[in-house]
C-alpha atoms as a PDB file:
ATOM      1  CA  MET A   1     -44.498 -82.803   8.475  1.00  0.00           C
ATOM      2  CA  VAL A   2     -42.854 -79.674   7.001  1.00  0.00           C
ATOM      3  CA  VAL A   3     -39.192 -79.194   7.615  1.00  0.00           C
ATOM      4  CA  ASP A   4     -37.917 -75.512   7.733  1.00  0.00           C
ATOM      5  CA  ASN A   5     -34.781 -75.651   5.631  1.00  0.00           C
ATOM      6  CA  ALA A   6     -33.588 -72.224   6.714  1.00  0.00           C
ATOM      7  CA  ALA A   7     -33.758 -73.286  10.379  1.00  0.00           C
ATOM      8  CA  ARG A   8     -31.963 -76.423   9.576  1.00  0.00           C
ATOM      9  CA  MET A   9     -29.096 -74.584   7.710  1.00  0.00           C
ATOM     10  CA  LYS A  10     -28.783 -72.094  10.524  1.00  0.00           C
ATOM     11  CA  ARG A  11     -28.557 -74.742  13.170  1.00  0.00           C
ATOM     12  CA  THR A  12     -25.801 -76.826  11.207  1.00  0.00           C
ATOM     13  CA  SER A  13     -23.774 -73.768  10.548  1.00  0.00           C
ATOM     14  CA  ASP A  14     -23.551 -72.674  14.179  1.00  0.00           C
ATOM     15  CA  ALA A  15     -21.597 -75.681  15.414  1.00  0.00           C
ATOM     16  CA  PRO A  16     -19.497 -78.468  13.927  1.00  0.00           C
ATOM     17  CA  SER A  17     -21.165 -81.780  13.069  1.00  0.00           C
ATOM     18  CA  THR A  18     -20.459 -84.989  14.821  1.00  0.00           C
ATOM     19  CA  GLY A  19     -18.566 -86.154  11.754  1.00  0.00           C
ATOM     20  CA  GLU A  20     -16.313 -83.138  11.855  1.00  0.00           C
ATOM     21  CA  LEU A  21     -15.598 -83.652  15.517  1.00  0.00           C
ATOM     22  CA  VAL A  22     -14.739 -87.313  15.138  1.00  0.00           C
ATOM     23  CA  GLY A  23     -12.535 -86.366  12.123  1.00  0.00           C
ATOM     24  CA  LEU A  24     -10.805 -83.840  14.269  1.00  0.00           C
ATOM     25  CA  GLY A  25     -10.074 -86.408  16.934  1.00  0.00           C
ATOM     26  CA  VAL A  26      -8.550 -88.911  14.416  1.00  0.00           C
ATOM     27  CA  PHE A  27      -6.499 -85.961  12.946  1.00  0.00           C
ATOM     28  CA  LEU A  28      -5.259 -84.869  16.300  1.00  0.00           C
ATOM     29  CA  ALA A  29      -4.344 -88.410  17.268  1.00  0.00           C
ATOM     30  CA  GLY A  30      -2.331 -88.811  14.098  1.00  0.00           C
ATOM     31  CA  ALA A  31      -0.760 -85.447  14.317  1.00  0.00           C
ATOM     32  CA  PHE A  32       0.732 -86.224  17.685  1.00  0.00           C
ATOM     33  CA  VAL A  33       1.537 -89.917  17.340  1.00  0.00           C
ATOM     34  CA  ALA A  34       3.109 -90.027  13.881  1.00  0.00           C
ATOM     35  CA  PRO A  35       5.916 -87.342  14.612  1.00  0.00           C
ATOM     36  CA  LEU A  36       6.597 -88.758  17.945  1.00  0.00           C
ATOM     37  CA  ILE A  37       7.068 -92.317  16.502  1.00  0.00           C
ATOM     38  CA  ALA A  38       9.248 -90.820  13.703  1.00  0.00           C
ATOM     39  CA  GLY A  39      11.334 -89.013  16.296  1.00  0.00           C
ATOM     40  CA  LEU A  40      11.733 -92.043  18.453  1.00  0.00           C
ATOM     41  CA  LEU A  41      12.741 -94.245  15.546  1.00  0.00           C
ATOM     42  CA  LEU A  42      15.365 -91.549  14.421  1.00  0.00           C
ATOM     43  CA  ASP A  43      16.716 -91.396  17.881  1.00  0.00           C
ATOM     44  CA  LEU A  44      17.122 -95.232  18.072  1.00  0.00           C
ATOM     45  CA  LEU A  45      18.767 -95.346  14.659  1.00  0.00           C
ATOM     46  CA  LEU A  46      21.112 -92.474  15.208  1.00  0.00           C
ATOM     47  CA  HIS A  47      21.840 -93.187  18.882  1.00  0.00           C
ATOM     48  CA  THR A  48      21.117 -89.575  19.808  1.00  0.00           C
ATOM     49  CA  THR A  49      19.564 -88.104  22.897  1.00  0.00           C
ATOM     50  CA  PRO A  50      15.819 -87.666  22.592  1.00  0.00           C
ATOM     51  CA  ILE A  51      16.269 -84.602  20.405  1.00  0.00           C
ATOM     52  CA  PHE A  52      14.245 -85.966  17.577  1.00  0.00           C
ATOM     53  CA  LEU A  53      11.521 -87.129  20.043  1.00  0.00           C
ATOM     54  CA  VAL A  54      11.198 -83.544  21.254  1.00  0.00           C
ATOM     55  CA  LEU A  55      11.270 -82.074  17.676  1.00  0.00           C
ATOM     56  CA  GLY A  56       8.618 -84.690  16.728  1.00  0.00           C
ATOM     57  CA  LEU A  57       6.546 -83.457  19.617  1.00  0.00           C
ATOM     58  CA  LEU A  58       6.932 -79.918  18.593  1.00  0.00           C
ATOM     59  CA  ALA A  59       6.008 -80.707  15.002  1.00  0.00           C
ATOM     60  CA  GLY A  60       2.959 -82.480  16.223  1.00  0.00           C
ATOM     61  CA  ILE A  61       1.782 -79.584  18.438  1.00  0.00           C
ATOM     62  CA  ILE A  62       2.251 -77.160  15.509  1.00  0.00           C
ATOM     63  CA  ALA A  63       0.472 -79.571  12.981  1.00  0.00           C
ATOM     64  CA  ALA A  64      -2.401 -80.078  15.351  1.00  0.00           C
ATOM     65  CA  GLY A  65      -2.787 -76.364  16.077  1.00  0.00           C
ATOM     66  CA  ALA A  66      -2.730 -75.499  12.420  1.00  0.00           C
ATOM     67  CA  GLY A  67      -5.139 -78.205  11.540  1.00  0.00           C
ATOM     68  CA  VAL A  68      -7.669 -77.200  14.177  1.00  0.00           C
ATOM     69  CA  TYR A  69      -7.414 -73.558  13.143  1.00  0.00           C
ATOM     70  CA  THR A  70      -7.969 -74.278   9.503  1.00  0.00           C
ATOM     71  CA  ARG A  71     -10.768 -76.692   9.951  1.00  0.00           C
ATOM     72  CA  PHE A  72     -12.729 -74.654  12.545  1.00  0.00           C
ATOM     73  CA  LYS A  73     -11.999 -70.971  11.784  1.00  0.00           C
ATOM     74  CA  ARG A  74     -15.417 -70.668  10.327  1.00  0.00           C
ATOM     75  CA  TYR A  75     -16.941 -71.320  13.707  1.00  0.00           C
ATOM     76  CA  LEU A  76     -14.835 -68.790  15.489  1.00  0.00           C
END
């Protein structure tokens, strides 16, 4: 059986692989959870209103958006 390498390369460059998508899911989970936990802990230690929790959420959203863009801009 002959495999057409040109067709295989074209097919893999059109869409992200399964490994890239799984990696994206792990990255997104970490990008949201880590800043939220850090903000929650800071709020508990400093006895503040949930300002650091909100700041952690915003940091997670920015980090996730930047990460998705940098990882997948070649597919756009």
